[in-house]
């Protein structure tokens, strides 16, 4: 979508991984946390520089100068009139990170979760029409973005019987909300056939994930292909999830047939 050369894909993935890992750094005191934060900043700067280098030959107003995402953004009427070069660079960098890190961890969780629930995997093989529901259930059951920060603006807010003051920062636990027994029947049970209800894996309302429909499509195609090529698989444990609960998932998933 960014028209990036194939030989740059590995670098993009490495940069995205470093940016995602930096969130772990803020919850890891000491030298390791500092290293993760510094690596994330370096990766962000490198990705910014790369995208910035691709912009001059693609920036041509009015729109229509190219098919890829960078060209579309830099030549859009709004971008030409309202956005600085740095804002366009930052938007593309954020899309690279958001489009890779969270989706990759969702795919990993699909592999791990279905391996642990063979009855559900059998149901998918018997009825592939359940695949979209299975993707949603994995995301509910093993929420990828477990927590996000929000700041109170525009005056005090009241949630339930708790007053949250203007300027306060709160941590929202999306993973906990996706297992709220007040909303979900048997919330700690993985069930691809459960009643369809919206979950908070892609957030909500104005803060809904910009790429959620692409992520869903990628995950559904991935699961279809996985079941076709490797209908039975075993995940070798233990798995390393690290301590990053902002973007949560295994760092690698070793599998074998059967």
C-alpha atoms as a PDB file:
ATOM      1  CA  UNK A   1       0.000   0.000   0.000  1.00  0.00           C
ATOM      2  CA  UNK A   2       2.981   2.298   0.507  1.00  0.00           C
ATOM      3  CA  UNK A   3       4.665   1.028  -2.688  1.00  0.00           C
ATOM      4  CA  UNK A   4       7.715   0.042  -0.667  1.00  0.00           C
ATOM      5  CA  UNK A   5      10.321  -2.109  -2.409  1.00  0.00           C
ATOM      6  CA  UNK A   6      10.364  -5.744  -1.320  1.00  0.00           C
ATOM      7  CA  UNK A   7      13.900  -5.454   0.002  1.00  0.00           C
ATOM      8  CA  UNK A   8      12.668  -2.862   2.534  1.00  0.00           C
ATOM      9  CA  UNK A   9       9.909  -4.998   4.033  1.00  0.00           C
ATOM     10  CA  UNK A  10      12.212  -6.559   6.626  1.00  0.00           C
ATOM     11  CA  UNK A  11      13.454  -3.147   7.725  1.00  0.00           C
ATOM     12  CA  UNK A  12       9.903  -1.824   7.994  1.00  0.00           C
ATOM     13  CA  UNK A  13       8.927  -4.815  10.125  1.00  0.00           C
ATOM     14  CA  UNK A  14      11.971  -4.391  12.389  1.00  0.00           C
ATOM     15  CA  UNK A  15      11.246  -0.680  12.835  1.00  0.00           C
ATOM     16  CA  UNK A  16       7.610  -1.380  13.633  1.00  0.00           C
ATOM     17  CA  UNK A  17       8.588  -4.046  16.177  1.00  0.00           C
ATOM     18  CA  UNK A  18      10.959  -1.624  17.902  1.00  0.00           C
ATOM     19  CA  UNK A  19       8.275   1.069  18.015  1.00  0.00           C
ATOM     20  CA  UNK A  20       5.814  -1.371  19.565  1.00  0.00           C
ATOM     21  CA  UNK A  21       8.339  -2.643  22.096  1.00  0.00           C
ATOM     22  CA  UNK A  22       8.968   0.887  23.321  1.00  0.00           C
ATOM     23  CA  UNK A  23       5.584   0.759  25.081  1.00  0.00           C
ATOM     24  CA  UNK A  24       7.006  -2.044  27.211  1.00  0.00           C
ATOM     25  CA  UNK A  25       9.881   0.225  28.149  1.00  0.00           C
ATOM     26  CA  UNK A  26       7.616   2.626  30.019  1.00  0.00           C
ATOM     27  CA  UNK A  27       6.497  -0.201  32.334  1.00  0.00           C
ATOM     28  CA  UNK A  28       9.995  -1.676  32.735  1.00  0.00           C
ATOM     29  CA  UNK A  29      12.102   0.393  35.146  1.00  0.00           C
ATOM     30  CA  UNK A  30      15.867   0.366  34.836  1.00  0.00           C
ATOM     31  CA  UNK A  31      18.260  -0.137  31.973  1.00  0.00           C
ATOM     32  CA  UNK A  32      16.150  -2.481  29.863  1.00  0.00           C
ATOM     33  CA  UNK A  33      13.226  -0.074  29.805  1.00  0.00           C
ATOM     34  CA  UNK A  34      15.480   2.805  28.804  1.00  0.00           C
ATOM     35  CA  UNK A  35      16.987   0.724  26.005  1.00  0.00           C
ATOM     36  CA  UNK A  36      13.563  -0.189  24.625  1.00  0.00           C
ATOM     37  CA  UNK A  37      12.438   3.447  24.655  1.00  0.00           C
ATOM     38  CA  UNK A  38      15.636   4.620  22.957  1.00  0.00           C
ATOM     39  CA  UNK A  39      15.370   1.874  20.303  1.00  0.00           C
ATOM     40  CA  UNK A  40      11.768   2.859  19.618  1.00  0.00           C
ATOM     41  CA  UNK A  41      12.733   6.490  19.125  1.00  0.00           C
ATOM     42  CA  UNK A  42      15.551   5.529  16.751  1.00  0.00           C
ATOM     43  CA  UNK A  43      13.203   3.315  14.755  1.00  0.00           C
ATOM     44  CA  UNK A  44      10.620   6.101  14.524  1.00  0.00           C
ATOM     45  CA  UNK A  45      13.249   8.551  13.290  1.00  0.00           C
ATOM     46  CA  UNK A  46      14.535   6.062  10.694  1.00  0.00           C
ATOM     47  CA  UNK A  47      11.050   5.372   9.394  1.00  0.00           C
ATOM     48  CA  UNK A  48      10.280   9.098   9.285  1.00  0.00           C
ATOM     49  CA  UNK A  49      13.457   9.710   7.284  1.00  0.00           C
ATOM     50  CA  UNK A  50      12.611   6.962   4.796  1.00  0.00           C
ATOM     51  CA  UNK A  51       9.070   8.209   4.191  1.00  0.00           C
ATOM     52  CA  UNK A  52      10.298  11.804   3.988  1.00  0.00           C
ATOM     53  CA  UNK A  53      12.766  10.768   1.287  1.00  0.00           C
ATOM     54  CA  UNK A  54       9.927   9.305  -0.809  1.00  0.00           C
ATOM     55  CA  UNK A  55       7.707  12.358  -0.654  1.00  0.00           C
ATOM     56  CA  UNK A  56       9.272  14.883  -3.087  1.00  0.00           C
ATOM     57  CA  UNK A  57       8.715  12.830  -6.216  1.00  0.00           C
ATOM     58  CA  UNK A  58       5.161  12.011  -5.163  1.00  0.00           C
ATOM     59  CA  UNK A  59       3.980  15.439  -4.065  1.00  0.00           C
ATOM     60  CA  UNK A  60       2.043  16.957  -6.931  1.00  0.00           C
ATOM     61  CA  UNK A  61      -1.117  18.962  -6.381  1.00  0.00           C
ATOM     62  CA  UNK A  62      -3.929  18.585  -7.276  1.00  0.00           C
ATOM     63  CA  UNK A  63      -4.580  14.928  -6.488  1.00  0.00           C
ATOM     64  CA  UNK A  64      -3.947  12.090  -8.881  1.00  0.00           C
ATOM     65  CA  UNK A  65      -0.148  11.864  -8.875  1.00  0.00           C
ATOM     66  CA  UNK A  66       0.060   8.213  -7.816  1.00  0.00           C
ATOM     67  CA  UNK A  67      -1.819   5.170  -6.618  1.00  0.00           C
ATOM     68  CA  UNK A  68      -0.027   4.361  -3.356  1.00  0.00           C
ATOM     69  CA  UNK A  69      -0.851   5.638   0.122  1.00  0.00           C
ATOM     70  CA  UNK A  70       2.024   8.119   0.374  1.00  0.00           C
ATOM     71  CA  UNK A  71       1.184   9.640  -3.014  1.00  0.00           C
ATOM     72  CA  UNK A  72      -2.508   9.775  -2.139  1.00  0.00           C
ATOM     73  CA  UNK A  73      -1.819  11.546   1.143  1.00  0.00           C
ATOM     74  CA  UNK A  74       0.694  14.065  -0.136  1.00  0.00           C
ATOM     75  CA  UNK A  75      -1.404  15.034  -3.173  1.00  0.00           C
ATOM     76  CA  UNK A  76      -4.846  15.089  -1.561  1.00  0.00           C
ATOM     77  CA  UNK A  77      -6.539  18.476  -1.631  1.00  0.00           C
ATOM     78  CA  UNK A  78      -6.755  18.602   2.172  1.00  0.00           C
ATOM     79  CA  UNK A  79      -3.092  17.701   2.598  1.00  0.00           C
ATOM     80  CA  UNK A  80      -1.993  20.300   0.077  1.00  0.00           C
ATOM     81  CA  UNK A  81      -4.001  23.002   1.819  1.00  0.00           C
ATOM     82  CA  UNK A  82      -3.872  22.055   5.491  1.00  0.00           C
ATOM     83  CA  UNK A  83      -1.067  19.612   6.386  1.00  0.00           C
ATOM     84  CA  UNK A  84       2.625  20.235   6.827  1.00  0.00           C
ATOM     85  CA  UNK A  85       5.211  17.856   5.436  1.00  0.00           C
ATOM     86  CA  UNK A  86       5.978  16.590   8.942  1.00  0.00           C
ATOM     87  CA  UNK A  87       2.297  15.888   9.630  1.00  0.00           C
ATOM     88  CA  UNK A  88       2.077  13.761   6.489  1.00  0.00           C
ATOM     89  CA  UNK A  89       5.290  11.934   7.398  1.00  0.00           C
ATOM     90  CA  UNK A  90       4.027  11.277  10.936  1.00  0.00           C
ATOM     91  CA  UNK A  91       0.677  10.007   9.636  1.00  0.00           C
ATOM     92  CA  UNK A  92       2.368   7.507   7.316  1.00  0.00           C
ATOM     93  CA  UNK A  93       4.764   6.349  10.037  1.00  0.00           C
ATOM     94  CA  UNK A  94       1.877   5.788  12.436  1.00  0.00           C
ATOM     95  CA  UNK A  95      -0.018   3.787   9.828  1.00  0.00           C
ATOM     96  CA  UNK A  96       3.017   1.554   9.232  1.00  0.00           C
ATOM     97  CA  UNK A  97       3.303   0.825  12.945  1.00  0.00           C
ATOM     98  CA  UNK A  98      -0.414   0.431  13.606  1.00  0.00           C
ATOM     99  CA  UNK A  99      -0.948  -1.671  10.495  1.00  0.00           C
ATOM    100  CA  UNK A 100       1.818  -4.143  11.320  1.00  0.00           C
ATOM    101  CA  UNK A 101       2.361  -4.523  15.036  1.00  0.00           C
ATOM    102  CA  UNK A 102      -1.200  -5.064  16.247  1.00  0.00           C
ATOM    103  CA  UNK A 103      -2.252  -7.170  13.252  1.00  0.00           C
ATOM    104  CA  UNK A 104       0.812  -9.408  13.520  1.00  0.00           C
ATOM    105  CA  UNK A 105       0.039 -10.055  17.183  1.00  0.00           C
ATOM    106  CA  UNK A 106      -3.600 -10.805  16.352  1.00  0.00           C
ATOM    107  CA  UNK A 107      -2.480 -13.422  13.813  1.00  0.00           C
ATOM    108  CA  UNK A 108      -0.162 -14.945  16.410  1.00  0.00           C
ATOM    109  CA  UNK A 109      -2.974 -15.092  18.955  1.00  0.00           C
ATOM    110  CA  UNK A 110      -5.228 -16.814  16.415  1.00  0.00           C
ATOM    111  CA  UNK A 111      -2.642 -19.590  16.035  1.00  0.00           C
ATOM    112  CA  UNK A 112      -2.096 -19.945  19.783  1.00  0.00           C
ATOM    113  CA  UNK A 113      -5.729 -19.755  20.856  1.00  0.00           C
ATOM    114  CA  UNK A 114      -7.069 -22.238  18.310  1.00  0.00           C
ATOM    115  CA  UNK A 115      -4.273 -24.679  19.132  1.00  0.00           C
ATOM    116  CA  UNK A 116      -5.469 -24.584  22.744  1.00  0.00           C
ATOM    117  CA  UNK A 117      -9.120 -25.140  21.753  1.00  0.00           C
ATOM    118  CA  UNK A 118      -9.159 -28.023  19.314  1.00  0.00           C
ATOM    119  CA  UNK A 119     -12.949 -28.388  19.471  1.00  0.00           C
ATOM    120  CA  UNK A 120     -13.274 -24.831  18.158  1.00  0.00           C
ATOM    121  CA  UNK A 121     -10.681 -25.476  15.472  1.00  0.00           C
ATOM    122  CA  UNK A 122     -12.657 -28.560  14.387  1.00  0.00           C
ATOM    123  CA  UNK A 123     -15.806 -26.431  14.179  1.00  0.00           C
ATOM    124  CA  UNK A 124     -14.030 -24.021  11.827  1.00  0.00           C
ATOM    125  CA  UNK A 125     -12.824 -26.842   9.593  1.00  0.00           C
ATOM    126  CA  UNK A 126     -16.374 -28.194   9.438  1.00  0.00           C
ATOM    127  CA  UNK A 127     -17.916 -24.778   8.794  1.00  0.00           C
ATOM    128  CA  UNK A 128     -15.554 -22.133   7.342  1.00  0.00           C
ATOM    129  CA  UNK A 129     -18.362 -19.565   7.485  1.00  0.00           C
ATOM    130  CA  UNK A 130     -17.491 -19.294  11.210  1.00  0.00           C
ATOM    131  CA  UNK A 131     -14.053 -17.841  10.415  1.00  0.00           C
ATOM    132  CA  UNK A 132     -15.081 -14.142  10.681  1.00  0.00           C
ATOM    133  CA  UNK A 133     -16.707 -14.865  14.054  1.00  0.00           C
ATOM    134  CA  UNK A 134     -13.591 -16.748  15.175  1.00  0.00           C
ATOM    135  CA  UNK A 135     -11.388 -13.743  14.405  1.00  0.00           C
ATOM    136  CA  UNK A 136     -13.658 -11.525  16.504  1.00  0.00           C
ATOM    137  CA  UNK A 137     -13.743 -14.035  19.354  1.00  0.00           C
ATOM    138  CA  UNK A 138      -9.958 -14.341  19.453  1.00  0.00           C
ATOM    139  CA  UNK A 139      -9.723 -10.560  19.608  1.00  0.00           C
ATOM    140  CA  UNK A 140     -12.263 -10.429  22.438  1.00  0.00           C
ATOM    141  CA  UNK A 141     -10.751 -13.332  24.350  1.00  0.00           C
ATOM    142  CA  UNK A 142      -7.091 -12.301  23.905  1.00  0.00           C
ATOM    143  CA  UNK A 143      -7.366  -8.549  23.385  1.00  0.00           C
ATOM    144  CA  UNK A 144      -4.287  -7.201  21.602  1.00  0.00           C
ATOM    145  CA  UNK A 145      -4.342  -3.596  22.867  1.00  0.00           C
ATOM    146  CA  UNK A 146      -4.982  -4.310  26.537  1.00  0.00           C
ATOM    147  CA  UNK A 147      -4.752  -0.754  27.774  1.00  0.00           C
ATOM    148  CA  UNK A 148      -4.873   2.813  26.514  1.00  0.00           C
ATOM    149  CA  UNK A 149      -4.503   6.184  28.215  1.00  0.00           C
ATOM    150  CA  UNK A 150      -7.093   8.939  28.113  1.00  0.00           C
ATOM    151  CA  UNK A 151      -6.920  12.467  29.548  1.00  0.00           C
ATOM    152  CA  UNK A 152      -9.968  14.264  30.924  1.00  0.00           C
ATOM    153  CA  UNK A 153     -10.639  17.537  29.074  1.00  0.00           C
ATOM    154  CA  UNK A 154     -13.534  19.963  29.106  1.00  0.00           C
ATOM    155  CA  UNK A 155     -14.287  19.690  32.807  1.00  0.00           C
ATOM    156  CA  UNK A 156     -14.684  16.933  35.374  1.00  0.00           C
ATOM    157  CA  UNK A 157     -16.165  13.630  34.251  1.00  0.00           C
ATOM    158  CA  UNK A 158     -18.303  11.207  36.240  1.00  0.00           C
ATOM    159  CA  UNK A 159     -18.080   7.480  35.538  1.00  0.00           C
ATOM    160  CA  UNK A 160     -20.472   5.507  37.697  1.00  0.00           C
ATOM    161  CA  UNK A 161     -20.101   7.158  41.080  1.00  0.00           C
ATOM    162  CA  UNK A 162     -16.466   8.190  40.551  1.00  0.00           C
ATOM    163  CA  UNK A 163     -15.517  11.784  39.747  1.00  0.00           C
ATOM    164  CA  UNK A 164     -12.483  12.119  37.463  1.00  0.00           C
ATOM    165  CA  UNK A 165     -10.994  15.599  37.550  1.00  0.00           C
ATOM    166  CA  UNK A 166     -10.123  17.869  34.667  1.00  0.00           C
ATOM    167  CA  UNK A 167      -6.615  17.053  33.447  1.00  0.00           C
ATOM    168  CA  UNK A 168      -6.482  13.634  35.103  1.00  0.00           C
ATOM    169  CA  UNK A 169      -5.100  10.714  33.122  1.00  0.00           C
ATOM    170  CA  UNK A 170      -6.765   7.335  33.383  1.00  0.00           C
ATOM    171  CA  UNK A 171      -5.854   3.913  32.055  1.00  0.00           C
ATOM    172  CA  UNK A 172      -8.636   2.063  30.277  1.00  0.00           C
ATOM    173  CA  UNK A 173      -8.322  -1.729  30.453  1.00  0.00           C
ATOM    174  CA  UNK A 174      -9.855  -2.933  27.201  1.00  0.00           C
ATOM    175  CA  UNK A 175      -8.892  -6.528  27.895  1.00  0.00           C
ATOM    176  CA  UNK A 176     -10.874  -6.465  31.144  1.00  0.00           C
ATOM    177  CA  UNK A 177     -13.874  -4.871  29.422  1.00  0.00           C
ATOM    178  CA  UNK A 178     -13.846  -7.645  26.836  1.00  0.00           C
ATOM    179  CA  UNK A 179     -14.348 -10.162  29.663  1.00  0.00           C
ATOM    180  CA  UNK A 180     -16.916  -8.157  31.609  1.00  0.00           C
ATOM    181  CA  UNK A 181     -19.521 -10.639  32.926  1.00  0.00           C
ATOM    182  CA  UNK A 182     -22.127  -7.882  32.839  1.00  0.00           C
ATOM    183  CA  UNK A 183     -21.852  -7.921  29.044  1.00  0.00           C
ATOM    184  CA  UNK A 184     -20.580 -11.370  28.107  1.00  0.00           C
ATOM    185  CA  UNK A 185     -22.091 -14.723  28.952  1.00  0.00           C
ATOM    186  CA  UNK A 186     -19.302 -17.063  30.118  1.00  0.00           C
ATOM    187  CA  UNK A 187     -16.680 -14.358  29.452  1.00  0.00           C
ATOM    188  CA  UNK A 188     -13.686 -16.581  30.252  1.00  0.00           C
ATOM    189  CA  UNK A 189     -14.766 -19.256  27.785  1.00  0.00           C
ATOM    190  CA  UNK A 190     -13.545 -19.168  24.184  1.00  0.00           C
ATOM    191  CA  UNK A 191     -16.513 -19.799  21.882  1.00  0.00           C
ATOM    192  CA  UNK A 192     -16.522 -19.028  18.153  1.00  0.00           C
ATOM    193  CA  UNK A 193     -20.279 -19.573  18.098  1.00  0.00           C
ATOM    194  CA  UNK A 194     -21.173 -17.082  20.822  1.00  0.00           C
ATOM    195  CA  UNK A 195     -23.810 -14.422  20.272  1.00  0.00           C
ATOM    196  CA  UNK A 196     -22.416 -11.594  18.179  1.00  0.00           C
ATOM    197  CA  UNK A 197     -21.726  -8.462  20.230  1.00  0.00           C
ATOM    198  CA  UNK A 198     -19.304  -5.604  19.482  1.00  0.00           C
ATOM    199  CA  UNK A 199     -16.100  -5.826  21.505  1.00  0.00           C
ATOM    200  CA  UNK A 200     -13.467  -3.202  22.315  1.00  0.00           C
ATOM    201  CA  UNK A 201     -10.543  -4.855  20.528  1.00  0.00           C
ATOM    202  CA  UNK A 202     -10.652  -2.080  17.933  1.00  0.00           C
ATOM    203  CA  UNK A 203     -11.723   0.557  20.494  1.00  0.00           C
ATOM    204  CA  UNK A 204     -14.991   2.453  20.070  1.00  0.00           C
ATOM    205  CA  UNK A 205     -16.688   5.471  18.520  1.00  0.00           C
ATOM    206  CA  UNK A 206     -14.444   8.343  17.438  1.00  0.00           C
ATOM    207  CA  UNK A 207     -11.424   6.367  18.643  1.00  0.00           C
ATOM    208  CA  UNK A 208     -12.200   3.263  16.582  1.00  0.00           C
ATOM    209  CA  UNK A 209      -9.190   1.803  14.799  1.00  0.00           C
ATOM    210  CA  UNK A 210      -8.764   3.405  11.382  1.00  0.00           C
ATOM    211  CA  UNK A 211      -7.570   0.133   9.860  1.00  0.00           C
ATOM    212  CA  UNK A 212      -9.943  -2.290  11.584  1.00  0.00           C
ATOM    213  CA  UNK A 213     -11.637  -3.502   8.409  1.00  0.00           C
ATOM    214  CA  UNK A 214      -8.289  -4.172   6.732  1.00  0.00           C
ATOM    215  CA  UNK A 215      -7.058  -5.980   9.858  1.00  0.00           C
ATOM    216  CA  UNK A 216     -10.199  -8.123   9.913  1.00  0.00           C
ATOM    217  CA  UNK A 217      -9.796  -9.003   6.245  1.00  0.00           C
ATOM    218  CA  UNK A 218      -6.128  -9.895   6.698  1.00  0.00           C
ATOM    219  CA  UNK A 219      -6.910 -12.081   9.715  1.00  0.00           C
ATOM    220  CA  UNK A 220      -9.774 -13.873   7.978  1.00  0.00           C
ATOM    221  CA  UNK A 221      -7.689 -14.635   4.886  1.00  0.00           C
ATOM    222  CA  UNK A 222      -4.794 -15.761   7.089  1.00  0.00           C
ATOM    223  CA  UNK A 223      -7.017 -18.173   9.025  1.00  0.00           C
ATOM    224  CA  UNK A 224      -8.628 -19.528   5.847  1.00  0.00           C
ATOM    225  CA  UNK A 225      -5.210 -20.252   4.355  1.00  0.00           C
ATOM    226  CA  UNK A 226      -3.835 -21.683   7.601  1.00  0.00           C
ATOM    227  CA  UNK A 227      -6.706 -24.164   7.956  1.00  0.00           C
ATOM    228  CA  UNK A 228      -6.370 -25.168   4.296  1.00  0.00           C
ATOM    229  CA  UNK A 229      -2.612 -25.746   4.425  1.00  0.00           C
ATOM    230  CA  UNK A 230      -2.163 -26.848   8.054  1.00  0.00           C
ATOM    231  CA  UNK A 231      -5.520 -28.028   9.452  1.00  0.00           C
ATOM    232  CA  UNK A 232      -3.892 -29.406  12.614  1.00  0.00           C
ATOM    233  CA  UNK A 233      -0.974 -27.775  14.374  1.00  0.00           C
ATOM    234  CA  UNK A 234       0.717 -27.865  17.737  1.00  0.00           C
ATOM    235  CA  UNK A 235       2.141 -24.781  19.449  1.00  0.00           C
ATOM    236  CA  UNK A 236       5.321 -25.469  21.391  1.00  0.00           C
ATOM    237  CA  UNK A 237       5.394 -23.820  24.794  1.00  0.00           C
ATOM    238  CA  UNK A 238       6.403 -21.942  26.825  1.00  0.00           C
ATOM    239  CA  UNK A 239       5.641 -18.782  24.886  1.00  0.00           C
ATOM    240  CA  UNK A 240       7.223 -15.427  25.660  1.00  0.00           C
ATOM    241  CA  UNK A 241       4.664 -12.624  25.917  1.00  0.00           C
ATOM    242  CA  UNK A 242       7.101 -10.130  27.440  1.00  0.00           C
ATOM    243  CA  UNK A 243       5.664  -7.479  29.733  1.00  0.00           C
ATOM    244  CA  UNK A 244       4.096  -5.234  27.110  1.00  0.00           C
ATOM    245  CA  UNK A 245       0.390  -5.154  27.921  1.00  0.00           C
ATOM    246  CA  UNK A 246      -0.245  -2.091  25.757  1.00  0.00           C
ATOM    247  CA  UNK A 247       0.240  -4.215  22.633  1.00  0.00           C
ATOM    248  CA  UNK A 248       0.111  -7.797  23.901  1.00  0.00           C
ATOM    249  CA  UNK A 249       1.082 -10.953  22.058  1.00  0.00           C
ATOM    250  CA  UNK A 250       3.742 -13.660  21.834  1.00  0.00           C
ATOM    251  CA  UNK A 251       7.081 -12.593  20.414  1.00  0.00           C
ATOM    252  CA  UNK A 252       7.244 -15.808  18.353  1.00  0.00           C
ATOM    253  CA  UNK A 253       5.068 -18.892  17.894  1.00  0.00           C
ATOM    254  CA  UNK A 254       6.901 -22.165  17.111  1.00  0.00           C
ATOM    255  CA  UNK A 255       4.506 -24.698  15.563  1.00  0.00           C
ATOM    256  CA  UNK A 256       4.601 -28.193  14.125  1.00  0.00           C
ATOM    257  CA  UNK A 257       2.108 -30.321  12.219  1.00  0.00           C
ATOM    258  CA  UNK A 258      -0.375 -32.361  14.209  1.00  0.00           C
END
